[in-house]
Amino acid sequence: MRRGPAAARPRAPAAPAAAGSSPERLQKLLARLGLASRREVEAWIRAGRLTVNGAVATLGSRATAADQVRLDGRLVRTRAAPGGAHVFLCHRSPGEALSNVTARLPSRAGRRFIAVSPMPRADGGLELVTSDGALALRLQRRVHAWGSEFGVRVRGELGETQLAGVVGGELDGGRQLAVERCAPAGGEGANRWYTLSVRGASGKQVRQLLERQGVLVSRVLRTQLGPIALGRALSRGQARELEPEELAGLLAP
């Protein structure tokens, strides 16, 4: 007698997903949360200062937000800050360390802040910082497409040839900046201010651009980065958190 097809065995129910995200390297996890740089975390691991669920971490250790990670015995926050990512607009004074400004930011936003496109310490103005490493990387990759505005203080007035050279946008090594305009913005005595609008430029590149024209630059202040403008309401040394719609504007295609 022929037997009918064997009854299918019932499948075991799928195991519940582990709490937290997929495991990732410990140095990547802590850097993404803004707790330290990857190199700093690696140094902690080599020194035996980090544990994961009670076991001493190694360079290949992985963890999730659900694991207990401790540094020198103290529990480390491995979950994202409540309320999502935090990005701050800082007004940094020339010569002031950015860390002095970020030290005044709320502790709930993180312990280590990453600048999106840092200005040279000798200069200042608008800085954008976040403790979210993944978000910082996304924003850093978008900087080249953003228009920026700078106030530049120079010694004396720029001649027509110098202005044309600045607008030409040529840097050392044949690199090119997309300069939209360079216009006088007042000044007194021997010092003159110019407003420079340019796409995808760092503060260091702006200084180099003018110095290539034989200009003595004494100050570079960034007043706008992408859709975010410094404004007069934010005094030097102060910072404010970006509104959700402002952050959405930075991330928009």
C-alpha atoms as a PDB file:
ATOM      1  CA  MET A   1       0.000   0.000   0.000  1.00  0.00           C
ATOM      2  CA  ARG A   2       1.334   3.359  -0.956  1.00  0.00           C
ATOM      3  CA  ARG A   3       1.846   5.759   1.809  1.00  0.00           C
ATOM      4  CA  GLY A   4       0.749   9.326   1.455  1.00  0.00           C
ATOM      5  CA  PRO A   5       3.223  12.106   1.632  1.00  0.00           C
ATOM      6  CA  ALA A   6       4.843  12.491   4.993  1.00  0.00           C
ATOM      7  CA  ALA A   7       3.299  15.155   7.101  1.00  0.00           C
ATOM      8  CA  ALA A   8       5.448  18.228   7.205  1.00  0.00           C
ATOM      9  CA  ARG A   9       7.078  18.716  10.523  1.00  0.00           C
ATOM     10  CA  PRO A  10       6.067  21.924  12.226  1.00  0.00           C
ATOM     11  CA  ARG A  11       8.838  24.500  12.129  1.00  0.00           C
ATOM     12  CA  ALA A  12      10.224  25.809  15.342  1.00  0.00           C
ATOM     13  CA  PRO A  13       9.188  29.378  16.017  1.00  0.00           C
ATOM     14  CA  ALA A  14      11.781  31.963  15.036  1.00  0.00           C
ATOM     15  CA  ALA A  15      13.961  33.096  17.859  1.00  0.00           C
ATOM     16  CA  PRO A  16      13.070  36.574  19.067  1.00  0.00           C
ATOM     17  CA  ALA A  17      15.339  39.320  17.851  1.00  0.00           C
ATOM     18  CA  ALA A  18      17.946  40.302  20.359  1.00  0.00           C
ATOM     19  CA  ALA A  19      17.399  43.599  22.067  1.00  0.00           C
ATOM     20  CA  GLY A  20      19.398  46.430  20.507  1.00  0.00           C
ATOM     21  CA  SER A  21      20.956  46.608  17.086  1.00  0.00           C
ATOM     22  CA  SER A  22      23.194  44.041  15.373  1.00  0.00           C
ATOM     23  CA  PRO A  23      26.571  43.568  17.044  1.00  0.00           C
ATOM     24  CA  GLU A  24      29.283  45.914  15.811  1.00  0.00           C
ATOM     25  CA  ARG A  25      32.889  46.440  16.740  1.00  0.00           C
ATOM     26  CA  LEU A  26      33.209  48.064  20.115  1.00  0.00           C
ATOM     27  CA  GLN A  27      35.336  50.954  18.844  1.00  0.00           C
ATOM     28  CA  LYS A  28      32.780  51.705  16.106  1.00  0.00           C
ATOM     29  CA  LEU A  29      29.844  51.549  18.517  1.00  0.00           C
ATOM     30  CA  LEU A  30      31.348  53.931  21.064  1.00  0.00           C
ATOM     31  CA  ALA A  31      32.632  56.340  18.391  1.00  0.00           C
ATOM     32  CA  ARG A  32      29.202  56.431  16.733  1.00  0.00           C
ATOM     33  CA  LEU A  33      27.682  57.429  20.061  1.00  0.00           C
ATOM     34  CA  GLY A  34      30.215  60.241  20.447  1.00  0.00           C
ATOM     35  CA  LEU A  35      31.898  58.787  23.540  1.00  0.00           C
ATOM     36  CA  ALA A  36      35.408  58.781  22.065  1.00  0.00           C
ATOM     37  CA  SER A  37      37.248  58.427  18.783  1.00  0.00           C
ATOM     38  CA  ARG A  38      37.967  54.938  17.460  1.00  0.00           C
ATOM     39  CA  ARG A  39      41.648  55.378  18.277  1.00  0.00           C
ATOM     40  CA  GLU A  40      40.826  56.361  21.837  1.00  0.00           C
ATOM     41  CA  VAL A  41      38.601  53.303  22.263  1.00  0.00           C
ATOM     42  CA  GLU A  42      41.329  51.066  20.821  1.00  0.00           C
ATOM     43  CA  ALA A  43      43.764  52.520  23.354  1.00  0.00           C
ATOM     44  CA  TRP A  44      41.294  51.717  26.148  1.00  0.00           C
ATOM     45  CA  ILE A  45      40.957  48.151  24.850  1.00  0.00           C
ATOM     46  CA  ARG A  46      44.724  47.612  24.674  1.00  0.00           C
ATOM     47  CA  ALA A  47      45.030  48.874  28.235  1.00  0.00           C
ATOM     48  CA  GLY A  48      42.362  46.410  29.414  1.00  0.00           C
ATOM     49  CA  ARG A  49      40.077  49.202  30.598  1.00  0.00           C
ATOM     50  CA  LEU A  50      36.923  48.065  28.773  1.00  0.00           C
ATOM     51  CA  THR A  51      34.698  45.072  29.513  1.00  0.00           C
ATOM     52  CA  VAL A  52      31.649  43.712  27.690  1.00  0.00           C
ATOM     53  CA  ASN A  53      29.211  41.824  29.902  1.00  0.00           C
ATOM     54  CA  GLY A  54      31.997  41.260  32.427  1.00  0.00           C
ATOM     55  CA  ALA A  55      34.609  39.979  29.957  1.00  0.00           C
ATOM     56  CA  VAL A  56      37.693  42.024  29.182  1.00  0.00           C
ATOM     57  CA  ALA A  57      37.316  43.437  25.661  1.00  0.00           C
ATOM     58  CA  THR A  58      39.715  42.727  22.812  1.00  0.00           C
ATOM     59  CA  LEU A  59      40.201  44.628  19.549  1.00  0.00           C
ATOM     60  CA  GLY A  60      37.771  42.238  17.860  1.00  0.00           C
ATOM     61  CA  SER A  61      35.049  42.496  20.511  1.00  0.00           C
ATOM     62  CA  ARG A  62      31.544  43.294  19.322  1.00  0.00           C
ATOM     63  CA  ALA A  63      28.613  44.694  21.252  1.00  0.00           C
ATOM     64  CA  THR A  64      25.089  46.024  20.905  1.00  0.00           C
ATOM     65  CA  ALA A  65      23.180  48.687  22.765  1.00  0.00           C
ATOM     66  CA  ALA A  66      21.764  45.908  24.964  1.00  0.00           C
ATOM     67  CA  ASP A  67      25.190  44.814  26.248  1.00  0.00           C
ATOM     68  CA  GLN A  68      26.791  46.091  29.417  1.00  0.00           C
ATOM     69  CA  VAL A  69      29.976  47.941  28.505  1.00  0.00           C
ATOM     70  CA  ARG A  70      32.122  49.280  31.312  1.00  0.00           C
ATOM     71  CA  LEU A  71      35.147  51.568  31.315  1.00  0.00           C
ATOM     72  CA  ASP A  72      37.291  51.192  34.419  1.00  0.00           C
ATOM     73  CA  GLY A  73      34.312  49.493  36.036  1.00  0.00           C
ATOM     74  CA  ARG A  74      31.857  52.306  35.292  1.00  0.00           C
ATOM     75  CA  LEU A  75      28.876  51.589  33.053  1.00  0.00           C
ATOM     76  CA  VAL A  76      29.119  53.268  29.645  1.00  0.00           C
ATOM     77  CA  ARG A  77      26.037  54.593  27.830  1.00  0.00           C
ATOM     78  CA  THR A  78      25.600  52.463  24.712  1.00  0.00           C
ATOM     79  CA  ARG A  79      22.183  53.698  23.650  1.00  0.00           C
ATOM     80  CA  ALA A  80      21.528  56.753  21.536  1.00  0.00           C
ATOM     81  CA  ALA A  81      20.570  59.856  23.435  1.00  0.00           C
ATOM     82  CA  PRO A  82      16.803  60.276  23.902  1.00  0.00           C
ATOM     83  CA  GLY A  83      15.138  62.470  21.311  1.00  0.00           C
ATOM     84  CA  GLY A  84      17.443  61.423  18.458  1.00  0.00           C
ATOM     85  CA  ALA A  85      20.593  63.054  17.144  1.00  0.00           C
ATOM     86  CA  HIS A  86      21.739  66.432  18.419  1.00  0.00           C
ATOM     87  CA  VAL A  87      23.494  68.980  16.205  1.00  0.00           C
ATOM     88  CA  PHE A  88      24.618  72.302  17.643  1.00  0.00           C
ATOM     89  CA  LEU A  89      25.424  75.624  16.044  1.00  0.00           C
ATOM     90  CA  CYS A  90      28.348  77.239  17.865  1.00  0.00           C
ATOM     91  CA  HIS A  91      29.717  80.769  17.567  1.00  0.00           C
ATOM     92  CA  ARG A  92      33.426  80.333  18.226  1.00  0.00           C
ATOM     93  CA  SER A  93      35.711  83.287  18.896  1.00  0.00           C
ATOM     94  CA  PRO A  94      39.006  83.415  16.959  1.00  0.00           C
ATOM     95  CA  GLY A  95      41.760  81.735  18.950  1.00  0.00           C
ATOM     96  CA  GLU A  96      39.336  79.895  21.239  1.00  0.00           C
ATOM     97  CA  ALA A  97      39.479  76.109  21.322  1.00  0.00           C
ATOM     98  CA  LEU A  98      36.264  74.531  20.083  1.00  0.00           C
ATOM     99  CA  SER A  99      36.377  72.223  23.105  1.00  0.00           C
ATOM    100  CA  ASN A 100      35.809  75.272  25.326  1.00  0.00           C
ATOM    101  CA  VAL A 101      32.511  75.903  23.563  1.00  0.00           C
ATOM    102  CA  THR A 102      31.376  72.270  23.478  1.00  0.00           C
ATOM    103  CA  ALA A 103      32.177  71.886  27.187  1.00  0.00           C
ATOM    104  CA  ARG A 104      29.211  74.163  27.846  1.00  0.00           C
ATOM    105  CA  LEU A 105      26.794  72.002  25.858  1.00  0.00           C
ATOM    106  CA  PRO A 106      24.298  69.817  27.777  1.00  0.00           C
ATOM    107  CA  SER A 107      25.721  66.481  28.906  1.00  0.00           C
ATOM    108  CA  ARG A 108      22.639  64.653  27.592  1.00  0.00           C
ATOM    109  CA  ALA A 109      23.878  65.379  24.065  1.00  0.00           C
ATOM    110  CA  GLY A 110      27.115  63.406  24.483  1.00  0.00           C
ATOM    111  CA  ARG A 111      30.645  63.653  25.818  1.00  0.00           C
ATOM    112  CA  ARG A 112      32.686  64.042  22.648  1.00  0.00           C
ATOM    113  CA  PHE A 113      31.672  66.354  19.826  1.00  0.00           C
ATOM    114  CA  ILE A 114      32.792  66.171  16.212  1.00  0.00           C
ATOM    115  CA  ALA A 115      33.015  69.297  14.047  1.00  0.00           C
ATOM    116  CA  VAL A 116      31.445  68.990  10.613  1.00  0.00           C
ATOM    117  CA  SER A 117      33.875  71.365   8.867  1.00  0.00           C
ATOM    118  CA  PRO A 118      36.149  72.905  11.516  1.00  0.00           C
ATOM    119  CA  MET A 119      37.618  76.360  11.079  1.00  0.00           C
ATOM    120  CA  PRO A 120      41.324  76.897  11.845  1.00  0.00           C
ATOM    121  CA  ARG A 121      41.803  77.854  15.489  1.00  0.00           C
ATOM    122  CA  ALA A 122      43.182  81.284  14.546  1.00  0.00           C
ATOM    123  CA  ASP A 123      39.884  82.053  12.795  1.00  0.00           C
ATOM    124  CA  GLY A 124      36.325  81.483  13.977  1.00  0.00           C
ATOM    125  CA  GLY A 125      32.640  82.058  13.451  1.00  0.00           C
ATOM    126  CA  LEU A 126      30.091  79.360  12.680  1.00  0.00           C
ATOM    127  CA  GLU A 127      30.835  75.781  13.714  1.00  0.00           C
ATOM    128  CA  LEU A 128      28.488  72.793  13.487  1.00  0.00           C
ATOM    129  CA  VAL A 129      29.131  69.937  15.941  1.00  0.00           C
ATOM    130  CA  THR A 130      27.440  66.682  16.860  1.00  0.00           C
ATOM    131  CA  SER A 131      28.199  63.764  19.159  1.00  0.00           C
ATOM    132  CA  ASP A 132      26.696  61.314  16.667  1.00  0.00           C
ATOM    133  CA  GLY A 133      29.622  59.887  14.701  1.00  0.00           C
ATOM    134  CA  ALA A 134      27.506  58.444  11.887  1.00  0.00           C
ATOM    135  CA  LEU A 135      25.623  61.717  11.448  1.00  0.00           C
ATOM    136  CA  ALA A 136      28.876  63.700  11.498  1.00  0.00           C
ATOM    137  CA  LEU A 137      30.195  61.526   8.669  1.00  0.00           C
ATOM    138  CA  ARG A 138      27.016  62.063   6.620  1.00  0.00           C
ATOM    139  CA  LEU A 139      27.281  65.819   7.031  1.00  0.00           C
ATOM    140  CA  GLN A 140      31.022  65.885   6.323  1.00  0.00           C
ATOM    141  CA  ARG A 141      30.379  64.136   3.012  1.00  0.00           C
ATOM    142  CA  ARG A 142      27.875  66.827   2.041  1.00  0.00           C
ATOM    143  CA  VAL A 143      30.049  69.855   2.801  1.00  0.00           C
ATOM    144  CA  HIS A 144      31.513  69.982  -0.724  1.00  0.00           C
ATOM    145  CA  ALA A 145      28.043  70.693  -2.123  1.00  0.00           C
ATOM    146  CA  TRP A 146      27.157  73.477   0.329  1.00  0.00           C
ATOM    147  CA  GLY A 147      27.527  77.168  -0.290  1.00  0.00           C
ATOM    148  CA  SER A 148      29.268  79.075   2.518  1.00  0.00           C
ATOM    149  CA  GLU A 149      29.816  82.710   3.376  1.00  0.00           C
ATOM    150  CA  PHE A 150      32.866  84.176   5.073  1.00  0.00           C
ATOM    151  CA  GLY A 151      33.856  87.572   6.386  1.00  0.00           C
ATOM    152  CA  VAL A 152      37.542  88.156   5.625  1.00  0.00           C
ATOM    153  CA  ARG A 153      39.615  90.981   7.111  1.00  0.00           C
ATOM    154  CA  VAL A 154      42.654  91.993   5.104  1.00  0.00           C
ATOM    155  CA  ARG A 155      45.350  94.651   5.154  1.00  0.00           C
ATOM    156  CA  GLY A 156      44.455  97.364   2.655  1.00  0.00           C
ATOM    157  CA  GLU A 157      42.037  97.276  -0.256  1.00  0.00           C
ATOM    158  CA  LEU A 158      42.049  94.597  -2.922  1.00  0.00           C
ATOM    159  CA  GLY A 159      42.926  95.791  -6.387  1.00  0.00           C
ATOM    160  CA  GLU A 160      40.995  94.741  -9.485  1.00  0.00           C
ATOM    161  CA  THR A 161      43.588  92.108 -10.387  1.00  0.00           C
ATOM    162  CA  GLN A 162      43.490  90.667  -6.867  1.00  0.00           C
ATOM    163  CA  LEU A 163      39.688  90.585  -6.848  1.00  0.00           C
ATOM    164  CA  ALA A 164      39.674  88.806 -10.190  1.00  0.00           C
ATOM    165  CA  GLY A 165      42.177  86.288  -8.840  1.00  0.00           C
ATOM    166  CA  VAL A 166      40.027  85.600  -5.782  1.00  0.00           C
ATOM    167  CA  VAL A 167      36.894  85.127  -7.880  1.00  0.00           C
ATOM    168  CA  GLY A 168      38.905  82.838 -10.160  1.00  0.00           C
ATOM    169  CA  GLY A 169      39.149  80.469  -7.182  1.00  0.00           C
ATOM    170  CA  GLU A 170      42.515  78.868  -7.946  1.00  0.00           C
ATOM    171  CA  LEU A 171      44.305  77.185  -5.032  1.00  0.00           C
ATOM    172  CA  ASP A 172      47.747  75.647  -4.683  1.00  0.00           C
ATOM    173  CA  GLY A 173      48.275  72.521  -6.743  1.00  0.00           C
ATOM    174  CA  GLY A 174      45.758  73.554  -9.385  1.00  0.00           C
ATOM    175  CA  ARG A 175      42.736  72.933  -7.173  1.00  0.00           C
ATOM    176  CA  GLN A 176      39.740  75.130  -7.859  1.00  0.00           C
ATOM    177  CA  LEU A 177      37.055  76.696  -5.669  1.00  0.00           C
ATOM    178  CA  ALA A 178      33.637  77.760  -6.954  1.00  0.00           C
ATOM    179  CA  VAL A 179      33.656  81.394  -5.824  1.00  0.00           C
ATOM    180  CA  GLU A 180      30.341  83.168  -6.355  1.00  0.00           C
ATOM    181  CA  ARG A 181      31.346  86.655  -5.232  1.00  0.00           C
ATOM    182  CA  CYS A 182      33.876  88.687  -3.279  1.00  0.00           C
ATOM    183  CA  ALA A 183      32.531  92.089  -2.248  1.00  0.00           C
ATOM    184  CA  PRO A 184      33.759  94.946   0.005  1.00  0.00           C
ATOM    185  CA  ALA A 185      32.091  94.982   3.424  1.00  0.00           C
ATOM    186  CA  GLY A 186      33.553  98.055   5.120  1.00  0.00           C
ATOM    187  CA  GLY A 187      36.403  98.532   7.562  1.00  0.00           C
ATOM    188  CA  GLU A 188      38.479 101.309   9.054  1.00  0.00           C
ATOM    189  CA  GLY A 189      42.051 102.450   8.821  1.00  0.00           C
ATOM    190  CA  ALA A 190      44.333  99.927   7.160  1.00  0.00           C
ATOM    191  CA  ASN A 191      41.931  97.019   7.715  1.00  0.00           C
ATOM    192  CA  ARG A 192      39.243  96.166   5.182  1.00  0.00           C
ATOM    193  CA  TRP A 193      36.504  93.537   5.336  1.00  0.00           C
ATOM    194  CA  TYR A 194      35.278  91.503   2.370  1.00  0.00           C
ATOM    195  CA  THR A 195      32.365  89.105   2.090  1.00  0.00           C
ATOM    196  CA  LEU A 196      33.231  85.929   0.243  1.00  0.00           C
ATOM    197  CA  SER A 197      30.565  83.519  -1.003  1.00  0.00           C
ATOM    198  CA  VAL A 198      31.967  80.170  -2.133  1.00  0.00           C
ATOM    199  CA  ARG A 199      30.831  76.583  -2.535  1.00  0.00           C
ATOM    200  CA  GLY A 200      32.467  73.652  -0.761  1.00  0.00           C
ATOM    201  CA  ALA A 201      35.329  75.609   0.835  1.00  0.00           C
ATOM    202  CA  SER A 202      36.968  75.248   4.217  1.00  0.00           C
ATOM    203  CA  GLY A 203      38.264  78.182   6.225  1.00  0.00           C
ATOM    204  CA  LYS A 204      41.824  77.084   5.500  1.00  0.00           C
ATOM    205  CA  GLN A 205      41.158  77.156   1.756  1.00  0.00           C
ATOM    206  CA  VAL A 206      39.618  80.627   1.945  1.00  0.00           C
ATOM    207  CA  ARG A 207      42.717  81.979   3.663  1.00  0.00           C
ATOM    208  CA  GLN A 208      44.955  80.295   1.086  1.00  0.00           C
ATOM    209  CA  LEU A 209      42.857  81.693  -1.757  1.00  0.00           C
ATOM    210  CA  LEU A 210      43.484  85.288  -0.713  1.00  0.00           C
ATOM    211  CA  GLU A 211      47.097  84.797   0.285  1.00  0.00           C
ATOM    212  CA  ARG A 212      47.813  83.529  -3.238  1.00  0.00           C
ATOM    213  CA  GLN A 213      46.917  87.046  -4.418  1.00  0.00           C
ATOM    214  CA  GLY A 214      49.554  88.591  -2.153  1.00  0.00           C
ATOM    215  CA  VAL A 215      46.935  89.638   0.409  1.00  0.00           C
ATOM    216  CA  LEU A 216      47.760  89.832   4.126  1.00  0.00           C
ATOM    217  CA  VAL A 217      44.810  88.106   5.844  1.00  0.00           C
ATOM    218  CA  SER A 218      44.293  88.851   9.533  1.00  0.00           C
ATOM    219  CA  ARG A 219      40.915  87.206  10.168  1.00  0.00           C
ATOM    220  CA  VAL A 220      38.481  84.744   8.572  1.00  0.00           C
ATOM    221  CA  LEU A 221      35.023  84.367  10.105  1.00  0.00           C
ATOM    222  CA  ARG A 222      32.462  81.927   8.722  1.00  0.00           C
ATOM    223  CA  THR A 223      28.922  83.324   8.846  1.00  0.00           C
ATOM    224  CA  GLN A 224      27.040  80.656   6.896  1.00  0.00           C
ATOM    225  CA  LEU A 225      27.468  76.948   6.187  1.00  0.00           C
ATOM    226  CA  GLY A 226      24.949  75.430   3.799  1.00  0.00           C
ATOM    227  CA  PRO A 227      21.438  76.544   4.817  1.00  0.00           C
ATOM    228  CA  ILE A 228      22.556  77.446   8.363  1.00  0.00           C
ATOM    229  CA  ALA A 229      23.446  81.090   9.057  1.00  0.00           C
ATOM    230  CA  LEU A 230      25.094  82.383  12.213  1.00  0.00           C
ATOM    231  CA  GLY A 231      22.812  85.376  12.761  1.00  0.00           C
ATOM    232  CA  ARG A 232      23.291  88.190  15.278  1.00  0.00           C
ATOM    233  CA  ALA A 233      21.248  86.623  18.073  1.00  0.00           C
ATOM    234  CA  LEU A 234      24.003  84.123  18.926  1.00  0.00           C
ATOM    235  CA  SER A 235      26.855  85.857  20.732  1.00  0.00           C
ATOM    236  CA  ARG A 236      30.453  84.695  20.624  1.00  0.00           C
ATOM    237  CA  GLY A 237      31.056  81.690  22.825  1.00  0.00           C
ATOM    238  CA  GLN A 238      27.414  80.655  22.734  1.00  0.00           C
ATOM    239  CA  ALA A 239      25.708  77.686  21.068  1.00  0.00           C
ATOM    240  CA  ARG A 240      22.212  76.451  20.339  1.00  0.00           C
ATOM    241  CA  GLU A 241      20.744  73.173  19.170  1.00  0.00           C
ATOM    242  CA  LEU A 242      19.479  73.049  15.606  1.00  0.00           C
ATOM    243  CA  GLU A 243      15.739  72.732  15.160  1.00  0.00           C
ATOM    244  CA  PRO A 244      14.507  69.513  13.473  1.00  0.00           C
ATOM    245  CA  GLU A 245      13.648  71.402  10.295  1.00  0.00           C
ATOM    246  CA  GLU A 246      17.153  72.914  10.187  1.00  0.00           C
ATOM    247  CA  LEU A 247      18.736  69.471  10.480  1.00  0.00           C
ATOM    248  CA  ALA A 248      16.372  68.189   7.785  1.00  0.00           C
ATOM    249  CA  GLY A 249      17.592  71.019   5.538  1.00  0.00           C
ATOM    250  CA  LEU A 250      21.205  69.892   5.999  1.00  0.00           C
ATOM    251  CA  LEU A 251      20.280  66.324   5.063  1.00  0.00           C
ATOM    252  CA  ALA A 252      17.977  67.186   2.181  1.00  0.00           C
ATOM    253  CA  PRO A 253      19.057  65.891  -1.279  1.00  0.00           C
END
